[in-house]
C-alpha atoms as a PDB file:
ATOM      1  CA  MET A   1      84.871  43.813  14.138  1.00  0.00           C
ATOM      2  CA  THR A   2      83.334  46.615  16.164  1.00  0.00           C
ATOM      3  CA  ARG A   3      80.126  46.274  18.118  1.00  0.00           C
ATOM      4  CA  THR A   4      78.317  48.532  15.668  1.00  0.00           C
ATOM      5  CA  ALA A   5      79.471  46.461  12.708  1.00  0.00           C
ATOM      6  CA  LYS A   6      78.210  43.350  14.466  1.00  0.00           C
ATOM      7  CA  ILE A   7      74.834  45.010  15.019  1.00  0.00           C
ATOM      8  CA  LEU A   8      74.634  45.932  11.337  1.00  0.00           C
ATOM      9  CA  HIS A   9      75.500  42.393  10.320  1.00  0.00           C
ATOM     10  CA  LEU A  10      72.866  41.113  12.729  1.00  0.00           C
ATOM     11  CA  THR A  11      70.356  43.423  11.055  1.00  0.00           C
ATOM     12  CA  ALA A  12      71.254  41.874   7.703  1.00  0.00           C
ATOM     13  CA  LEU A  13      70.736  38.438   9.231  1.00  0.00           C
ATOM     14  CA  ILE A  14      67.322  39.457  10.555  1.00  0.00           C
ATOM     15  CA  VAL A  15      66.318  40.677   7.099  1.00  0.00           C
ATOM     16  CA  ALA A  16      67.554  37.412   5.613  1.00  0.00           C
ATOM     17  CA  SER A  17      65.572  35.470   8.215  1.00  0.00           C
ATOM     18  CA  ALA A  18      62.452  37.423   7.292  1.00  0.00           C
ATOM     19  CA  LEU A  19      63.078  36.536   3.656  1.00  0.00           C
ATOM     20  CA  LEU A  20      63.524  32.927   4.668  1.00  0.00           C
ATOM     21  CA  ILE A  21      60.197  32.892   6.477  1.00  0.00           C
ATOM     22  CA  THR A  22      58.538  34.463   3.453  1.00  0.00           C
ATOM     23  CA  LEU A  23      60.164  32.047   1.042  1.00  0.00           C
ATOM     24  CA  SER A  24      60.010  28.907   3.177  1.00  0.00           C
ATOM     25  CA  GLY A  25      58.546  25.788   1.681  1.00  0.00           C
ATOM     26  CA  GLU A  26      59.725  23.231  -0.794  1.00  0.00           C
ATOM     27  CA  ALA A  27      58.421  25.068  -3.883  1.00  0.00           C
ATOM     28  CA  SER A  28      60.436  28.173  -3.108  1.00  0.00           C
ATOM     29  CA  ALA A  29      63.523  26.123  -2.180  1.00  0.00           C
ATOM     30  CA  GLN A  30      63.429  24.585  -5.649  1.00  0.00           C
ATOM     31  CA  SER A  31      63.312  28.018  -7.289  1.00  0.00           C
ATOM     32  CA  ARG A  32      66.469  29.244  -5.515  1.00  0.00           C
ATOM     33  CA  SER A  33      70.038  28.259  -6.308  1.00  0.00           C
ATOM     34  CA  CYS A  34      70.828  25.466  -3.865  1.00  0.00           C
ATOM     35  CA  GLY A  35      73.530  22.853  -3.414  1.00  0.00           C
ATOM     36  CA  PRO A  36      75.855  21.275  -0.882  1.00  0.00           C
ATOM     37  CA  ARG A  37      77.161  23.999   1.448  1.00  0.00           C
ATOM     38  CA  GLU A  38      80.804  23.187   0.715  1.00  0.00           C
ATOM     39  CA  ALA A  39      80.223  23.675  -3.032  1.00  0.00           C
ATOM     40  CA  VAL A  40      78.307  26.939  -2.517  1.00  0.00           C
ATOM     41  CA  VAL A  41      81.009  28.394  -0.247  1.00  0.00           C
ATOM     42  CA  GLN A  42      83.748  27.309  -2.659  1.00  0.00           C
ATOM     43  CA  ARG A  43      81.921  28.927  -5.595  1.00  0.00           C
ATOM     44  CA  LEU A  44      81.501  32.207  -3.695  1.00  0.00           C
ATOM     45  CA  ALA A  45      85.209  32.213  -2.797  1.00  0.00           C
ATOM     46  CA  GLU A  46      86.582  31.240  -6.194  1.00  0.00           C
ATOM     47  CA  GLY A  47      84.067  33.028  -8.398  1.00  0.00           C
ATOM     48  CA  PHE A  48      83.529  36.233  -6.441  1.00  0.00           C
ATOM     49  CA  GLY A  49      86.294  36.399  -3.812  1.00  0.00           C
ATOM     50  CA  GLU A  50      83.655  36.409  -1.064  1.00  0.00           C
ATOM     51  CA  THR A  51      84.313  35.270   2.491  1.00  0.00           C
ATOM     52  CA  ARG A  52      81.936  34.891   5.418  1.00  0.00           C
ATOM     53  CA  GLN A  53      81.351  38.212   7.173  1.00  0.00           C
ATOM     54  CA  SER A  54      78.657  37.229   9.667  1.00  0.00           C
ATOM     55  CA  ILE A  55      76.587  34.267  10.791  1.00  0.00           C
ATOM     56  CA  GLY A  56      73.394  33.684  12.747  1.00  0.00           C
ATOM     57  CA  LEU A  57      70.726  31.118  13.457  1.00  0.00           C
ATOM     58  CA  GLY A  58      67.316  31.628  11.852  1.00  0.00           C
ATOM     59  CA  THR A  59      64.002  29.910  12.368  1.00  0.00           C
ATOM     60  CA  ASN A  60      63.895  26.112  12.278  1.00  0.00           C
ATOM     61  CA  ASN A  61      67.654  25.968  13.007  1.00  0.00           C
ATOM     62  CA  VAL A  62      68.556  27.386   9.609  1.00  0.00           C
ATOM     63  CA  MET A  63      72.032  28.910   9.496  1.00  0.00           C
ATOM     64  CA  VAL A  64      72.079  32.364   7.869  1.00  0.00           C
ATOM     65  CA  GLU A  65      75.399  33.725   6.589  1.00  0.00           C
ATOM     66  CA  VAL A  66      76.498  36.899   4.853  1.00  0.00           C
ATOM     67  CA  PHE A  67      79.435  36.537   2.465  1.00  0.00           C
ATOM     68  CA  ALA A  68      81.138  39.564   0.901  1.00  0.00           C
ATOM     69  CA  SER A  69      84.256  40.720  -0.900  1.00  0.00           C
ATOM     70  CA  ALA A  70      86.072  43.851   0.271  1.00  0.00           C
ATOM     71  CA  GLN A  71      87.809  44.067  -3.113  1.00  0.00           C
ATOM     72  CA  THR A  72      84.747  43.922  -5.392  1.00  0.00           C
ATOM     73  CA  GLY A  73      81.964  44.924  -2.992  1.00  0.00           C
ATOM     74  CA  SER A  74      79.849  41.914  -3.982  1.00  0.00           C
ATOM     75  CA  TRP A  75      77.768  40.240  -1.254  1.00  0.00           C
ATOM     76  CA  THR A  76      75.588  37.141  -0.906  1.00  0.00           C
ATOM     77  CA  ILE A  77      73.198  35.946   1.788  1.00  0.00           C
ATOM     78  CA  VAL A  78      73.150  32.152   2.136  1.00  0.00           C
ATOM     79  CA  ILE A  79      70.906  29.920   4.229  1.00  0.00           C
ATOM     80  CA  THR A  80      71.890  26.383   5.143  1.00  0.00           C
ATOM     81  CA  ARG A  81      69.436  23.783   6.390  1.00  0.00           C
ATOM     82  CA  ALA A  82      70.355  21.080   8.887  1.00  0.00           C
ATOM     83  CA  THR A  83      70.616  18.678   5.942  1.00  0.00           C
ATOM     84  CA  GLY A  84      73.667  20.598   4.672  1.00  0.00           C
ATOM     85  CA  VAL A  85      71.863  22.041   1.650  1.00  0.00           C
ATOM     86  CA  ALA A  86      72.698  25.727   1.189  1.00  0.00           C
ATOM     87  CA  CYS A  87      70.564  28.160  -0.823  1.00  0.00           C
ATOM     88  CA  LEU A  88      71.338  31.638  -2.112  1.00  0.00           C
ATOM     89  CA  VAL A  89      68.724  34.052  -0.758  1.00  0.00           C
ATOM     90  CA  ALA A  90      69.980  37.423  -2.024  1.00  0.00           C
ATOM     91  CA  SER A  91      73.042  38.998  -3.575  1.00  0.00           C
ATOM     92  CA  GLY A  92      74.196  42.392  -4.697  1.00  0.00           C
ATOM     93  CA  ARG A  93      76.949  44.967  -4.969  1.00  0.00           C
ATOM     94  CA  SER A  94      78.429  47.803  -2.950  1.00  0.00           C
ATOM     95  CA  PHE A  95      78.852  45.922   0.351  1.00  0.00           C
ATOM     96  CA  GLU A  96      80.158  48.138   3.139  1.00  0.00           C
ATOM     97  CA  THR A  97      80.880  47.628   6.792  1.00  0.00           C
ATOM     98  CA  LEU A  98      79.369  50.640   8.502  1.00  0.00           C
ATOM     99  CA  VAL A  99      80.331  52.039  11.850  1.00  0.00           C
ATOM    100  CA  GLN A 100      77.515  54.015  13.436  1.00  0.00           C
ATOM    101  CA  ASN A 101      76.972  55.133  16.998  1.00  0.00           C
ATOM    102  CA  LEU A 102      74.139  53.437  18.829  1.00  0.00           C
ATOM    103  CA  PRO A 103      71.237  55.653  19.915  1.00  0.00           C
ATOM    104  CA  ALA A 104      71.197  56.810  23.542  1.00  0.00           C
ATOM    105  CA  LYS A 105      69.487  54.357  25.888  1.00  0.00           C
ATOM    106  CA  GLU A 106      66.545  56.701  26.461  1.00  0.00           C
ATOM    107  CA  ASN A 107      66.036  57.005  22.692  1.00  0.00           C
ATOM    108  CA  ASP A 108      64.657  53.728  21.316  1.00  0.00           C
ATOM    109  CA  ALA A 109      64.622  54.912  17.698  1.00  0.00           C
END
């Protein structure tokens, strides 16, 4: 994976972390699809052909992962708490790994 692809995946993780902060709390956790991490990962693999594309650590030691399928283009963002409970945060279609040049150091845009 190129450095640019890693940066783009990190951006997705940051967005997921922001969603996590917004949705944190027990009431919102109950409204999302949650279960044991092993079962969630198995369902994504068997049902959608998705594999883990990137991983990061969010607030409160929550693991944030992006799963995607190169064949179907489906993607899912999953958070996993220290308890081992994983919750689906977002999902969609048309996943792509983008390769973009980084801006010049003097240009912070």
